[in-house]
Amino acid sequence: MKKQSMFENYPDVVEVEDLRKMLGGISKRLAYKLLAEQEIRSVRVGRAYKIPKICVIEYLLGEEMCHISFS
């Protein structure tokens, strides 16, 4: 499966509820733990986490960290 086609029905930046669904319905507590420990890279905007979809994909593929380049 190509990285580009994974989760094609999700926006490029997802929130915690989407993350939970993408990871098979994990608990809210586990989702926040993964984000707080930077297992899945994200950006905090106020109190909300914004998670680039590519970071979720990289996490699932077992990459060390998610690296995004803006070029």
C-alpha atoms as a PDB file:
ATOM      1  CA  MET A   1       0.000   0.000   0.000  1.00  0.00           C
ATOM      2  CA  LYS A   2       1.331   3.425  -0.932  1.00  0.00           C
ATOM      3  CA  LYS A   3       1.701   6.045   1.765  1.00  0.00           C
ATOM      4  CA  GLN A   4      -0.319   8.490  -0.328  1.00  0.00           C
ATOM      5  CA  SER A   5      -3.379   6.244  -0.408  1.00  0.00           C
ATOM      6  CA  MET A   6      -3.532   5.500   3.313  1.00  0.00           C
ATOM      7  CA  PHE A   7      -6.379   7.350   5.020  1.00  0.00           C
ATOM      8  CA  GLU A   8      -7.284   9.203   1.833  1.00  0.00           C
ATOM      9  CA  ASN A   9     -10.693  10.099   3.317  1.00  0.00           C
ATOM     10  CA  TYR A  10      -9.065  12.090   6.133  1.00  0.00           C
ATOM     11  CA  PRO A  11      -7.823  15.693   5.868  1.00  0.00           C
ATOM     12  CA  ASP A  12      -4.072  16.405   5.808  1.00  0.00           C
ATOM     13  CA  VAL A  13      -4.238  17.546   9.433  1.00  0.00           C
ATOM     14  CA  VAL A  14      -6.381  15.562  11.858  1.00  0.00           C
ATOM     15  CA  GLU A  15      -7.516  15.979  15.438  1.00  0.00           C
ATOM     16  CA  VAL A  16      -7.521  13.528  18.342  1.00  0.00           C
ATOM     17  CA  GLU A  17     -10.876  11.944  17.477  1.00  0.00           C
ATOM     18  CA  ASP A  18      -9.675  11.204  13.944  1.00  0.00           C
ATOM     19  CA  LEU A  19      -6.400   9.848  15.312  1.00  0.00           C
ATOM     20  CA  ARG A  20      -8.312   7.454  17.552  1.00  0.00           C
ATOM     21  CA  LYS A  21     -10.292   6.135  14.578  1.00  0.00           C
ATOM     22  CA  MET A  22      -7.185   5.873  12.390  1.00  0.00           C
ATOM     23  CA  LEU A  23      -5.507   3.709  15.038  1.00  0.00           C
ATOM     24  CA  GLY A  24      -8.410   1.289  15.288  1.00  0.00           C
ATOM     25  CA  GLY A  25     -10.486   2.941  17.989  1.00  0.00           C
ATOM     26  CA  ILE A  26      -7.838   3.415  20.682  1.00  0.00           C
ATOM     27  CA  SER A  27      -8.834   5.072  23.940  1.00  0.00           C
ATOM     28  CA  LYS A  28      -8.721   8.821  24.373  1.00  0.00           C
ATOM     29  CA  ARG A  29      -6.192   8.331  27.165  1.00  0.00           C
ATOM     30  CA  LEU A  30      -3.826   6.344  24.935  1.00  0.00           C
ATOM     31  CA  ALA A  31      -4.177   8.862  22.102  1.00  0.00           C
ATOM     32  CA  TYR A  32      -3.197  11.744  24.393  1.00  0.00           C
ATOM     33  CA  LYS A  33      -0.329   9.690  25.836  1.00  0.00           C
ATOM     34  CA  LEU A  34       1.082   8.999  22.348  1.00  0.00           C
ATOM     35  CA  LEU A  35       0.902  12.704  21.568  1.00  0.00           C
ATOM     36  CA  ALA A  36       2.301  13.900  24.912  1.00  0.00           C
ATOM     37  CA  GLU A  37       5.264  11.511  24.659  1.00  0.00           C
ATOM     38  CA  GLN A  38       5.810  12.557  21.035  1.00  0.00           C
ATOM     39  CA  GLU A  39       5.392   9.020  19.767  1.00  0.00           C
ATOM     40  CA  ILE A  40       3.265  10.722  17.132  1.00  0.00           C
ATOM     41  CA  ARG A  41       4.400  14.226  16.271  1.00  0.00           C
ATOM     42  CA  SER A  42       1.846  16.980  16.520  1.00  0.00           C
ATOM     43  CA  VAL A  43       1.397  20.707  17.024  1.00  0.00           C
ATOM     44  CA  ARG A  44      -0.525  22.286  19.876  1.00  0.00           C
ATOM     45  CA  VAL A  45      -2.862  25.110  18.926  1.00  0.00           C
ATOM     46  CA  GLY A  46      -4.233  26.414  22.189  1.00  0.00           C
ATOM     47  CA  ARG A  47      -5.447  23.300  23.996  1.00  0.00           C
ATOM     48  CA  ALA A  48      -6.020  21.307  20.802  1.00  0.00           C
ATOM     49  CA  TYR A  49      -3.612  18.906  19.129  1.00  0.00           C
ATOM     50  CA  LYS A  50      -3.253  19.137  15.356  1.00  0.00           C
ATOM     51  CA  ILE A  51      -1.695  16.005  13.885  1.00  0.00           C
ATOM     52  CA  PRO A  52      -0.342  15.875  10.327  1.00  0.00           C
ATOM     53  CA  LYS A  53      -1.794  12.763   8.702  1.00  0.00           C
ATOM     54  CA  ILE A  54       1.665  11.815   7.409  1.00  0.00           C
ATOM     55  CA  CYS A  55       2.880  11.558  11.031  1.00  0.00           C
ATOM     56  CA  VAL A  56       0.186   8.986  11.792  1.00  0.00           C
ATOM     57  CA  ILE A  57       1.192   7.028   8.693  1.00  0.00           C
ATOM     58  CA  GLU A  58       4.879   7.154   9.615  1.00  0.00           C
ATOM     59  CA  TYR A  59       4.039   5.956  13.130  1.00  0.00           C
ATOM     60  CA  LEU A  60       2.114   3.003  11.738  1.00  0.00           C
ATOM     61  CA  LEU A  61       4.941   2.152   9.362  1.00  0.00           C
ATOM     62  CA  GLY A  62       7.395   2.114  12.263  1.00  0.00           C
ATOM     63  CA  GLU A  63       9.512   5.096  11.257  1.00  0.00           C
ATOM     64  CA  GLU A  64      11.706   6.619  13.960  1.00  0.00           C
ATOM     65  CA  MET A  65      10.119  10.044  13.781  1.00  0.00           C
ATOM     66  CA  CYS A  66       7.972  11.999  11.397  1.00  0.00           C
ATOM     67  CA  HIS A  67       9.968  14.514   9.387  1.00  0.00           C
ATOM     68  CA  ILE A  68       8.084  17.021   7.303  1.00  0.00           C
ATOM     69  CA  SER A  69       9.891  19.237   4.860  1.00  0.00           C
ATOM     70  CA  PHE A  70       8.252  22.308   3.424  1.00  0.00           C
ATOM     71  CA  SER A  71       9.812  22.902   0.029  1.00  0.00           C
END
